[in-house]
Amino acid sequence: MGNASHRLIAYMYGVNHPRSRAYYNNKPLKTIIEESGLGDTSRLLPDEALIRPDIADVSQRRLFEIKPWNEQALREGREEARRYLAALNRTILDDKRFMGGTDFHGEALIRFAGGQYIWRLEWKTSEPGVVQYRWTRSQKPFDSEAAAYKAAQWVELTVEELRQYGGWVERAVEGMLNRREKLATISGTVGMVIDLIGGVATTVLWGSIWGQMSSGAGAQQPPSQGGGQVIPFPARPAPIEPPAQVPAAAGMSLSP
């Protein structure tokens, strides 16, 4: 689930900043600097060339580390962001330095086929450069993600639920992102979703594009087995402080 969280949050950063050139933990710092032409890689220390920031936006010169929603992870994210910023800014050849990113928050709902609990991934910028996330689920089953969102009654995920569905969520998110370029080029699908729903990006997680941008009777339904849908909603205002009680799911170790 840690890997799915990282991948989905990074994906949504790209959706929110379509004009930015950004790297999402897929290339080392040395390559980022070389490809962007922003700096002199000879200024990197020996142990800095291969490190990979979670989100490095070279257009806006912003950086984020993605961490679970707990105090230990916040401390780790703070230290990692500090290290990456120091390395990047040491190489910069102009006066525009990288800063810890701010004001990046949102929610994504995952609907399983068959009308079950709705899962929610929530993330927010806890402090400049650190984005923290947590998973919860609807208090009762819903057939509609909109109904679950309106009810706004979220509870911690159990260990059993994580074991049963966590692997499916990770595989589904990974599959979606692997198809990202294809989805974005089929009749402008991704852009149409964002434009038509006014900021609500709907991303389908099964093998092809199912349904129309409509809730009418003609809309196709997801497959009865193994299907699901991720619906990132416009975020409510981000909480000022992290919650006093951290959901169990937020403390999971991250996948390599």
C-alpha atoms as a PDB file:
ATOM      1  CA  MET A   1       0.000   0.000   0.000  1.00  0.00           C
ATOM      2  CA  GLY A   2       2.956   2.302   0.557  1.00  0.00           C
ATOM      3  CA  ASN A   3       3.976   1.905  -3.069  1.00  0.00           C
ATOM      4  CA  ALA A   4       0.402   2.444  -4.286  1.00  0.00           C
ATOM      5  CA  SER A   5       0.161   5.602  -2.174  1.00  0.00           C
ATOM      6  CA  HIS A   6       3.385   7.034  -3.570  1.00  0.00           C
ATOM      7  CA  ARG A   7       2.446   6.260  -7.143  1.00  0.00           C
ATOM      8  CA  LEU A   8      -1.105   7.589  -6.939  1.00  0.00           C
ATOM      9  CA  ILE A   9      -0.137  10.806  -5.125  1.00  0.00           C
ATOM     10  CA  ALA A  10       2.628  11.483  -7.635  1.00  0.00           C
ATOM     11  CA  TYR A  11       0.179  10.798 -10.469  1.00  0.00           C
ATOM     12  CA  MET A  12      -2.283  13.323  -9.040  1.00  0.00           C
ATOM     13  CA  TYR A  13       0.493  15.897  -8.768  1.00  0.00           C
ATOM     14  CA  GLY A  14       0.986  15.500 -12.503  1.00  0.00           C
ATOM     15  CA  VAL A  15      -2.766  15.842 -13.121  1.00  0.00           C
ATOM     16  CA  ASN A  16      -2.824  19.032 -11.037  1.00  0.00           C
ATOM     17  CA  HIS A  17       0.295  20.455 -12.728  1.00  0.00           C
ATOM     18  CA  PRO A  18       0.072  19.335 -16.362  1.00  0.00           C
ATOM     19  CA  ARG A  19       2.501  21.980 -17.598  1.00  0.00           C
ATOM     20  CA  SER A  20       5.238  21.153 -15.112  1.00  0.00           C
ATOM     21  CA  ARG A  21       8.215  18.999 -15.935  1.00  0.00           C
ATOM     22  CA  ALA A  22       8.463  16.767 -12.895  1.00  0.00           C
ATOM     23  CA  TYR A  23      10.232  13.565 -11.853  1.00  0.00           C
ATOM     24  CA  TYR A  24       8.542  11.025  -9.586  1.00  0.00           C
ATOM     25  CA  ASN A  25      11.175   8.857  -7.907  1.00  0.00           C
ATOM     26  CA  ASN A  26      11.993   7.326 -11.283  1.00  0.00           C
ATOM     27  CA  LYS A  27      15.366   8.938 -12.005  1.00  0.00           C
ATOM     28  CA  PRO A  28      18.383   9.708  -9.815  1.00  0.00           C
ATOM     29  CA  LEU A  29      19.361  13.248  -8.926  1.00  0.00           C
ATOM     30  CA  LYS A  30      22.317  13.288 -11.307  1.00  0.00           C
ATOM     31  CA  THR A  31      20.087  12.402 -14.270  1.00  0.00           C
ATOM     32  CA  ILE A  32      17.454  14.984 -13.265  1.00  0.00           C
ATOM     33  CA  ILE A  33      20.074  17.730 -13.235  1.00  0.00           C
ATOM     34  CA  GLU A  34      21.620  16.598 -16.514  1.00  0.00           C
ATOM     35  CA  GLU A  35      18.299  16.307 -18.370  1.00  0.00           C
ATOM     36  CA  SER A  36      16.925  19.598 -17.065  1.00  0.00           C
ATOM     37  CA  GLY A  37      20.177  21.479 -17.609  1.00  0.00           C
ATOM     38  CA  LEU A  38      19.666  23.331 -14.344  1.00  0.00           C
ATOM     39  CA  GLY A  39      22.986  22.693 -12.677  1.00  0.00           C
ATOM     40  CA  ASP A  40      26.486  21.301 -12.526  1.00  0.00           C
ATOM     41  CA  THR A  41      26.484  17.645 -11.441  1.00  0.00           C
ATOM     42  CA  SER A  42      30.159  17.824 -10.480  1.00  0.00           C
ATOM     43  CA  ARG A  43      29.027  19.687  -7.367  1.00  0.00           C
ATOM     44  CA  LEU A  44      27.140  16.639  -6.065  1.00  0.00           C
ATOM     45  CA  LEU A  45      28.717  14.703  -3.220  1.00  0.00           C
ATOM     46  CA  PRO A  46      29.568  11.047  -3.962  1.00  0.00           C
ATOM     47  CA  ASP A  47      26.525   9.713  -2.085  1.00  0.00           C
ATOM     48  CA  GLU A  48      24.069  12.164  -3.695  1.00  0.00           C
ATOM     49  CA  ALA A  49      24.201  11.210  -7.378  1.00  0.00           C
ATOM     50  CA  LEU A  50      21.821   8.232  -7.113  1.00  0.00           C
ATOM     51  CA  ILE A  51      19.262   9.499  -4.583  1.00  0.00           C
ATOM     52  CA  ARG A  52      15.708   9.903  -5.914  1.00  0.00           C
ATOM     53  CA  PRO A  53      13.260  12.544  -4.627  1.00  0.00           C
ATOM     54  CA  ASP A  54       9.611  11.454  -4.571  1.00  0.00           C
ATOM     55  CA  ILE A  55       8.484  14.573  -6.476  1.00  0.00           C
ATOM     56  CA  ALA A  56      10.958  16.987  -8.061  1.00  0.00           C
ATOM     57  CA  ASP A  57       9.193  19.693 -10.094  1.00  0.00           C
ATOM     58  CA  VAL A  58      11.971  21.318 -12.141  1.00  0.00           C
ATOM     59  CA  SER A  59       9.568  23.807 -13.740  1.00  0.00           C
ATOM     60  CA  GLN A  60       8.401  25.295 -10.446  1.00  0.00           C
ATOM     61  CA  ARG A  61      11.558  24.320  -8.514  1.00  0.00           C
ATOM     62  CA  ARG A  62       9.531  22.510  -5.863  1.00  0.00           C
ATOM     63  CA  LEU A  63      10.294  19.249  -4.067  1.00  0.00           C
ATOM     64  CA  PHE A  64       8.173  16.862  -1.990  1.00  0.00           C
ATOM     65  CA  GLU A  65       8.832  13.711  -0.001  1.00  0.00           C
ATOM     66  CA  ILE A  66       5.811  11.404   0.483  1.00  0.00           C
ATOM     67  CA  LYS A  67       5.435   9.750   3.883  1.00  0.00           C
ATOM     68  CA  PRO A  68       2.793   7.954   5.983  1.00  0.00           C
ATOM     69  CA  TRP A  69       0.694   9.957   8.433  1.00  0.00           C
ATOM     70  CA  ASN A  70       2.694   9.642  11.656  1.00  0.00           C
ATOM     71  CA  GLU A  71       5.309  11.594  13.574  1.00  0.00           C
ATOM     72  CA  GLN A  72       8.268   9.324  12.858  1.00  0.00           C
ATOM     73  CA  ALA A  73       7.582   9.455   9.115  1.00  0.00           C
ATOM     74  CA  LEU A  74       7.288  13.247   9.322  1.00  0.00           C
ATOM     75  CA  ARG A  75      10.741  13.464  10.864  1.00  0.00           C
ATOM     76  CA  GLU A  76      12.158  11.152   8.202  1.00  0.00           C
ATOM     77  CA  GLY A  77      10.524  13.136   5.415  1.00  0.00           C
ATOM     78  CA  ARG A  78      11.826  16.403   6.821  1.00  0.00           C
ATOM     79  CA  GLU A  79      15.396  15.101   6.876  1.00  0.00           C
ATOM     80  CA  GLU A  80      15.178  13.565   3.395  1.00  0.00           C
ATOM     81  CA  ALA A  81      13.701  16.745   1.903  1.00  0.00           C
ATOM     82  CA  ARG A  82      16.468  18.790   3.537  1.00  0.00           C
ATOM     83  CA  ARG A  83      19.111  16.500   2.049  1.00  0.00           C
ATOM     84  CA  TYR A  84      17.642  16.578  -1.457  1.00  0.00           C
ATOM     85  CA  LEU A  85      17.215  20.361  -1.421  1.00  0.00           C
ATOM     86  CA  ALA A  86      20.787  20.876  -0.249  1.00  0.00           C
ATOM     87  CA  ALA A  87      22.103  18.655  -3.029  1.00  0.00           C
ATOM     88  CA  LEU A  88      19.969  20.224  -5.756  1.00  0.00           C
ATOM     89  CA  ASN A  89      20.660  23.806  -4.755  1.00  0.00           C
ATOM     90  CA  ARG A  90      24.393  23.206  -4.552  1.00  0.00           C
ATOM     91  CA  THR A  91      24.360  22.407  -8.269  1.00  0.00           C
ATOM     92  CA  ILE A  92      22.043  25.223  -9.458  1.00  0.00           C
ATOM     93  CA  LEU A  93      23.640  27.616 -11.946  1.00  0.00           C
ATOM     94  CA  ASP A  94      21.074  30.433 -11.699  1.00  0.00           C
ATOM     95  CA  ASP A  95      19.455  32.242  -8.786  1.00  0.00           C
ATOM     96  CA  LYS A  96      16.209  30.241  -8.759  1.00  0.00           C
ATOM     97  CA  ARG A  97      16.616  27.709  -5.981  1.00  0.00           C
ATOM     98  CA  PHE A  98      14.497  24.664  -5.188  1.00  0.00           C
ATOM     99  CA  MET A  99      12.154  24.989  -2.203  1.00  0.00           C
ATOM    100  CA  GLY A 100      10.068  22.559  -0.188  1.00  0.00           C
ATOM    101  CA  GLY A 101       6.671  22.411  -1.881  1.00  0.00           C
ATOM    102  CA  THR A 102       3.501  23.585  -0.141  1.00  0.00           C
ATOM    103  CA  ASP A 103      -0.282  23.454  -0.568  1.00  0.00           C
ATOM    104  CA  PHE A 104      -0.545  20.024  -2.173  1.00  0.00           C
ATOM    105  CA  HIS A 105      -3.439  18.074  -0.721  1.00  0.00           C
ATOM    106  CA  GLY A 106      -6.334  15.957  -1.917  1.00  0.00           C
ATOM    107  CA  GLU A 107      -8.444  12.839  -1.572  1.00  0.00           C
ATOM    108  CA  ALA A 108      -8.918   9.790  -3.792  1.00  0.00           C
ATOM    109  CA  LEU A 109     -11.743   7.296  -3.348  1.00  0.00           C
ATOM    110  CA  ILE A 110     -11.417   3.692  -4.473  1.00  0.00           C
ATOM    111  CA  ARG A 111     -14.638   1.901  -5.310  1.00  0.00           C
ATOM    112  CA  PHE A 112     -14.579  -1.875  -5.563  1.00  0.00           C
ATOM    113  CA  ALA A 113     -16.990  -3.628  -7.901  1.00  0.00           C
ATOM    114  CA  GLY A 114     -20.137  -4.999  -6.314  1.00  0.00           C
ATOM    115  CA  GLY A 115     -20.980  -2.262  -3.821  1.00  0.00           C
ATOM    116  CA  GLN A 116     -18.630  -2.643  -0.890  1.00  0.00           C
ATOM    117  CA  TYR A 117     -16.774  -0.293   1.396  1.00  0.00           C
ATOM    118  CA  ILE A 118     -15.284   2.763  -0.280  1.00  0.00           C
ATOM    119  CA  TRP A 119     -11.598   3.241   0.475  1.00  0.00           C
ATOM    120  CA  ARG A 120     -10.119   6.722   0.804  1.00  0.00           C
ATOM    121  CA  LEU A 121      -6.543   7.881   0.314  1.00  0.00           C
ATOM    122  CA  GLU A 122      -6.026  11.333   1.815  1.00  0.00           C
ATOM    123  CA  TRP A 123      -2.849  13.398   1.587  1.00  0.00           C
ATOM    124  CA  LYS A 124      -1.686  16.860   2.640  1.00  0.00           C
ATOM    125  CA  THR A 125       1.469  18.941   2.955  1.00  0.00           C
ATOM    126  CA  SER A 126       2.327  18.736   6.663  1.00  0.00           C
ATOM    127  CA  GLU A 127       5.197  21.188   6.283  1.00  0.00           C
ATOM    128  CA  PRO A 128       7.145  22.516   3.284  1.00  0.00           C
ATOM    129  CA  GLY A 129       8.575  19.585   1.371  1.00  0.00           C
ATOM    130  CA  VAL A 130       6.699  16.784   3.161  1.00  0.00           C
ATOM    131  CA  VAL A 131       3.399  15.250   2.002  1.00  0.00           C
ATOM    132  CA  GLN A 132       1.766  12.768   4.390  1.00  0.00           C
ATOM    133  CA  TYR A 133      -0.955  10.275   3.546  1.00  0.00           C
ATOM    134  CA  ARG A 134      -3.394   7.936   5.283  1.00  0.00           C
ATOM    135  CA  TRP A 135      -5.915   5.293   4.217  1.00  0.00           C
ATOM    136  CA  THR A 136      -9.403   4.911   5.686  1.00  0.00           C
ATOM    137  CA  ARG A 137     -12.687   3.378   4.506  1.00  0.00           C
ATOM    138  CA  SER A 138     -16.364   4.243   4.657  1.00  0.00           C
ATOM    139  CA  GLN A 139     -18.101   3.258   7.876  1.00  0.00           C
ATOM    140  CA  LYS A 140     -20.612   1.159   5.918  1.00  0.00           C
ATOM    141  CA  PRO A 141     -20.825  -0.226   2.364  1.00  0.00           C
ATOM    142  CA  PHE A 142     -21.970   2.131  -0.403  1.00  0.00           C
ATOM    143  CA  ASP A 143     -22.915   1.518  -4.015  1.00  0.00           C
ATOM    144  CA  SER A 144     -21.916   5.079  -4.852  1.00  0.00           C
ATOM    145  CA  GLU A 145     -18.632   6.812  -4.069  1.00  0.00           C
ATOM    146  CA  ALA A 146     -20.542  10.115  -4.113  1.00  0.00           C
ATOM    147  CA  ALA A 147     -22.775   8.892  -1.278  1.00  0.00           C
ATOM    148  CA  ALA A 148     -19.748   7.816   0.749  1.00  0.00           C
ATOM    149  CA  TYR A 149     -18.080  11.157   0.152  1.00  0.00           C
ATOM    150  CA  LYS A 150     -21.193  13.024   1.264  1.00  0.00           C
ATOM    151  CA  ALA A 151     -21.564  10.899   4.406  1.00  0.00           C
ATOM    152  CA  ALA A 152     -17.928  11.686   5.332  1.00  0.00           C
ATOM    153  CA  GLN A 153     -17.771   8.906   7.927  1.00  0.00           C
ATOM    154  CA  TRP A 154     -14.380   7.232   7.653  1.00  0.00           C
ATOM    155  CA  VAL A 155     -12.876   4.556   9.878  1.00  0.00           C
ATOM    156  CA  GLU A 156      -9.520   2.805  10.157  1.00  0.00           C
ATOM    157  CA  LEU A 157      -8.806  -0.170   7.926  1.00  0.00           C
ATOM    158  CA  THR A 158      -8.340  -3.487   9.661  1.00  0.00           C
ATOM    159  CA  VAL A 159      -5.327  -5.727   9.148  1.00  0.00           C
ATOM    160  CA  GLU A 160      -7.618  -8.286   7.503  1.00  0.00           C
ATOM    161  CA  GLU A 161      -8.897  -5.724   4.993  1.00  0.00           C
ATOM    162  CA  LEU A 162      -5.391  -4.638   4.137  1.00  0.00           C
ATOM    163  CA  ARG A 163      -4.384  -8.230   3.517  1.00  0.00           C
ATOM    164  CA  GLN A 164      -7.451  -8.977   1.425  1.00  0.00           C
ATOM    165  CA  TYR A 165      -7.529  -5.878  -0.754  1.00  0.00           C
ATOM    166  CA  GLY A 166      -4.163  -4.139  -0.363  1.00  0.00           C
ATOM    167  CA  GLY A 167      -2.423  -6.173  -3.035  1.00  0.00           C
ATOM    168  CA  TRP A 168      -5.282  -5.604  -5.461  1.00  0.00           C
ATOM    169  CA  VAL A 169      -5.121  -1.843  -4.935  1.00  0.00           C
ATOM    170  CA  GLU A 170      -1.365  -1.806  -5.515  1.00  0.00           C
ATOM    171  CA  ARG A 171      -1.635  -3.857  -8.727  1.00  0.00           C
ATOM    172  CA  ALA A 172      -4.536  -1.750  -9.987  1.00  0.00           C
ATOM    173  CA  VAL A 173      -2.759   1.542  -9.373  1.00  0.00           C
ATOM    174  CA  GLU A 174       0.421   0.230 -10.988  1.00  0.00           C
ATOM    175  CA  GLY A 175      -1.532  -0.955 -14.018  1.00  0.00           C
ATOM    176  CA  MET A 176      -3.292   2.388 -14.327  1.00  0.00           C
ATOM    177  CA  LEU A 177      -0.039   4.313 -14.282  1.00  0.00           C
ATOM    178  CA  ASN A 178       1.585   1.984 -16.785  1.00  0.00           C
ATOM    179  CA  ARG A 179      -1.286   2.839 -19.146  1.00  0.00           C
ATOM    180  CA  ARG A 180      -1.132   6.553 -18.414  1.00  0.00           C
ATOM    181  CA  GLU A 181       0.256   7.655 -21.777  1.00  0.00           C
ATOM    182  CA  LYS A 182      -2.233   5.498 -23.635  1.00  0.00           C
ATOM    183  CA  LEU A 183      -5.174   6.813 -21.617  1.00  0.00           C
ATOM    184  CA  ALA A 184      -4.051  10.403 -22.115  1.00  0.00           C
ATOM    185  CA  THR A 185      -3.936  10.052 -25.897  1.00  0.00           C
ATOM    186  CA  ILE A 186      -7.224   8.217 -26.570  1.00  0.00           C
ATOM    187  CA  SER A 187      -9.518  11.040 -27.692  1.00  0.00           C
ATOM    188  CA  GLY A 188      -8.072  13.267 -24.961  1.00  0.00           C
ATOM    189  CA  THR A 189      -9.802  11.140 -22.342  1.00  0.00           C
ATOM    190  CA  VAL A 190      -7.983  12.388 -19.259  1.00  0.00           C
ATOM    191  CA  GLY A 191      -8.380  16.032 -20.246  1.00  0.00           C
ATOM    192  CA  MET A 192     -12.077  15.545 -21.025  1.00  0.00           C
ATOM    193  CA  VAL A 193     -12.729  14.061 -17.592  1.00  0.00           C
ATOM    194  CA  ILE A 194     -11.067  16.945 -15.800  1.00  0.00           C
ATOM    195  CA  ASP A 195     -12.818  19.579 -17.939  1.00  0.00           C
ATOM    196  CA  LEU A 196     -16.289  18.071 -17.776  1.00  0.00           C
ATOM    197  CA  ILE A 197     -16.352  17.407 -14.047  1.00  0.00           C
ATOM    198  CA  GLY A 198     -14.685  20.638 -13.055  1.00  0.00           C
ATOM    199  CA  GLY A 199     -11.571  19.449 -11.268  1.00  0.00           C
ATOM    200  CA  VAL A 200     -12.761  15.943 -10.394  1.00  0.00           C
ATOM    201  CA  ALA A 201     -10.402  13.605 -12.221  1.00  0.00           C
ATOM    202  CA  THR A 202     -11.823  10.114 -12.711  1.00  0.00           C
ATOM    203  CA  THR A 203      -9.296   7.396 -13.499  1.00  0.00           C
ATOM    204  CA  VAL A 204     -10.437   3.922 -14.501  1.00  0.00           C
ATOM    205  CA  LEU A 205      -8.430   1.026 -13.102  1.00  0.00           C
ATOM    206  CA  TRP A 206      -9.373  -1.877 -15.313  1.00  0.00           C
ATOM    207  CA  GLY A 207      -7.962  -2.936 -18.668  1.00  0.00           C
ATOM    208  CA  SER A 208      -9.640  -0.399 -20.941  1.00  0.00           C
ATOM    209  CA  ILE A 209     -11.784   2.731 -20.732  1.00  0.00           C
ATOM    210  CA  TRP A 210     -15.196   1.739 -19.374  1.00  0.00           C
ATOM    211  CA  GLY A 211     -18.294   3.914 -19.383  1.00  0.00           C
ATOM    212  CA  GLN A 212     -18.988   7.421 -20.616  1.00  0.00           C
ATOM    213  CA  MET A 213     -18.648  10.750 -18.871  1.00  0.00           C
ATOM    214  CA  SER A 214     -22.262  10.439 -17.780  1.00  0.00           C
ATOM    215  CA  SER A 215     -24.330   8.769 -15.092  1.00  0.00           C
ATOM    216  CA  GLY A 216     -27.228   8.072 -17.451  1.00  0.00           C
ATOM    217  CA  ALA A 217     -28.722   4.694 -18.242  1.00  0.00           C
ATOM    218  CA  GLY A 218     -26.417   4.288 -21.229  1.00  0.00           C
ATOM    219  CA  ALA A 219     -23.264   4.335 -19.170  1.00  0.00           C
ATOM    220  CA  GLN A 220     -21.415   1.037 -19.064  1.00  0.00           C
ATOM    221  CA  GLN A 221     -20.778  -0.680 -15.766  1.00  0.00           C
ATOM    222  CA  PRO A 222     -17.468  -1.993 -14.418  1.00  0.00           C
ATOM    223  CA  PRO A 223     -16.768  -5.708 -14.641  1.00  0.00           C
ATOM    224  CA  SER A 224     -18.365  -7.775 -11.894  1.00  0.00           C
ATOM    225  CA  GLN A 225     -15.097  -9.281 -10.727  1.00  0.00           C
ATOM    226  CA  GLY A 226     -11.825  -7.532  -9.969  1.00  0.00           C
ATOM    227  CA  GLY A 227     -12.930  -4.094 -11.141  1.00  0.00           C
ATOM    228  CA  GLY A 228     -12.553  -0.831  -9.358  1.00  0.00           C
ATOM    229  CA  GLN A 229     -12.315   2.876  -9.835  1.00  0.00           C
ATOM    230  CA  VAL A 230     -10.260   5.669  -8.353  1.00  0.00           C
ATOM    231  CA  ILE A 231     -12.064   8.985  -8.000  1.00  0.00           C
ATOM    232  CA  PRO A 232      -9.861  11.870  -6.818  1.00  0.00           C
ATOM    233  CA  PHE A 233     -12.152  14.502  -5.316  1.00  0.00           C
ATOM    234  CA  PRO A 234     -11.535  18.237  -4.880  1.00  0.00           C
ATOM    235  CA  ALA A 235     -10.030  18.322  -1.422  1.00  0.00           C
ATOM    236  CA  ARG A 236     -11.660  19.822   1.594  1.00  0.00           C
ATOM    237  CA  PRO A 237      -9.424  22.379   3.349  1.00  0.00           C
ATOM    238  CA  ALA A 238      -6.333  20.607   4.639  1.00  0.00           C
ATOM    239  CA  PRO A 239      -6.214  20.166   8.436  1.00  0.00           C
ATOM    240  CA  ILE A 240      -3.819  22.513  10.181  1.00  0.00           C
ATOM    241  CA  GLU A 241      -2.291  19.803  12.345  1.00  0.00           C
ATOM    242  CA  PRO A 242      -1.900  16.022  11.840  1.00  0.00           C
ATOM    243  CA  PRO A 243      -4.614  14.008  13.576  1.00  0.00           C
ATOM    244  CA  ALA A 244      -4.064  13.027  17.181  1.00  0.00           C
ATOM    245  CA  GLN A 245      -4.810   9.383  16.374  1.00  0.00           C
ATOM    246  CA  VAL A 246      -2.993   7.938  13.384  1.00  0.00           C
ATOM    247  CA  PRO A 247      -4.864   5.193  11.490  1.00  0.00           C
ATOM    248  CA  ALA A 248      -3.148   1.834  11.609  1.00  0.00           C
ATOM    249  CA  ALA A 249      -2.816   1.777   7.825  1.00  0.00           C
ATOM    250  CA  ALA A 250      -0.721   4.943   7.853  1.00  0.00           C
ATOM    251  CA  GLY A 251       2.096   3.294   9.775  1.00  0.00           C
ATOM    252  CA  MET A 252       2.871   0.587   7.257  1.00  0.00           C
ATOM    253  CA  SER A 253       6.408   0.231   5.976  1.00  0.00           C
ATOM    254  CA  LEU A 254       6.894   1.412   2.428  1.00  0.00           C
ATOM    255  CA  SER A 255       7.468  -1.012  -0.404  1.00  0.00           C
ATOM    256  CA  PRO A 256      10.920  -0.750  -1.954  1.00  0.00           C
END
